[in-house]
Amino acid sequence: MLYLYRQHINLFDKTNPPYGTQTAESLIFETIFKAINQLDLLLISLKFSMIYYALI
């Protein structure tokens, strides 16, 4: 299990020669993770703004 996890990390490590080459699969995963992170930030900021306007 740890081996698979390490391979998953190496998929995004650009300095590691075997896995550092940008494959289409790693690009897709990276894009999905970035989109999820952006969505999380958007939802968090939306929650804070709703709380802020509720307090005023």
Protein backbone atom coordinates (compact mmCIF):
# COMPACT_ATOMS: atom_id res chain seq x y z
CA MET A 1 0.00 0.00 0.00
CA LEU A 2 2.80 2.39 0.91
CA TYR A 3 4.53 1.53 -2.37
CA LEU A 4 1.44 2.57 -4.34
CA TYR A 5 1.20 5.77 -2.31
CA ARG A 6 4.85 6.58 -3.06
CA GLN A 7 4.27 5.98 -6.76
CA HIS A 8 1.29 8.32 -6.59
CA ILE A 9 3.49 11.02 -5.04
CA ASN A 10 6.18 10.46 -7.68
CA LEU A 11 3.57 10.97 -10.38
CA PHE A 12 3.53 14.69 -9.55
CA ASP A 13 7.25 15.03 -8.76
CA LYS A 14 8.74 16.82 -11.76
CA THR A 15 12.32 16.28 -10.54
CA ASN A 16 12.04 12.46 -10.54
CA PRO A 17 13.03 11.27 -14.05
CA PRO A 18 10.90 8.10 -14.45
CA TYR A 19 7.67 9.67 -13.20
CA GLY A 20 8.56 13.30 -13.81
CA THR A 21 7.69 13.15 -17.48
CA GLN A 22 4.32 14.78 -17.94
CA THR A 23 1.97 12.03 -19.05
CA ALA A 24 -1.61 12.76 -20.03
CA GLU A 25 -2.85 10.81 -17.02
CA SER A 26 -0.80 12.80 -14.51
CA LEU A 27 -1.88 16.04 -16.19
CA ILE A 28 -5.55 15.04 -15.86
CA PHE A 29 -5.14 14.09 -12.18
CA GLU A 30 -3.26 17.30 -11.45
CA THR A 31 -5.97 19.39 -13.13
CA ILE A 32 -8.71 17.60 -11.19
CA PHE A 33 -6.92 18.09 -7.86
CA LYS A 34 -6.32 21.78 -8.61
CA ALA A 35 -10.00 22.23 -9.51
CA ILE A 36 -11.10 20.53 -6.28
CA ASN A 37 -8.77 22.75 -4.24
CA GLN A 38 -10.10 25.87 -5.95
CA LEU A 39 -13.67 24.73 -5.30
CA ASP A 40 -12.87 24.13 -1.62
CA LEU A 41 -11.41 27.64 -1.30
CA LEU A 42 -14.45 29.11 -3.02
CA LEU A 43 -16.88 27.29 -0.70
CA ILE A 44 -14.91 28.31 2.40
CA SER A 45 -14.85 31.97 1.36
CA LEU A 46 -18.56 31.79 0.55
CA LYS A 47 -19.32 30.39 4.02
CA PHE A 48 -17.29 33.14 5.69
CA SER A 49 -19.00 35.86 3.67
CA MET A 50 -22.43 34.43 4.57
CA ILE A 51 -21.49 34.38 8.27
CA TYR A 52 -20.12 37.93 7.99
CA TYR A 53 -23.31 39.28 6.41
CA ALA A 54 -25.45 37.38 8.93
CA LEU A 55 -23.61 39.10 11.79
CA ILE A 56 -24.06 42.61 10.37
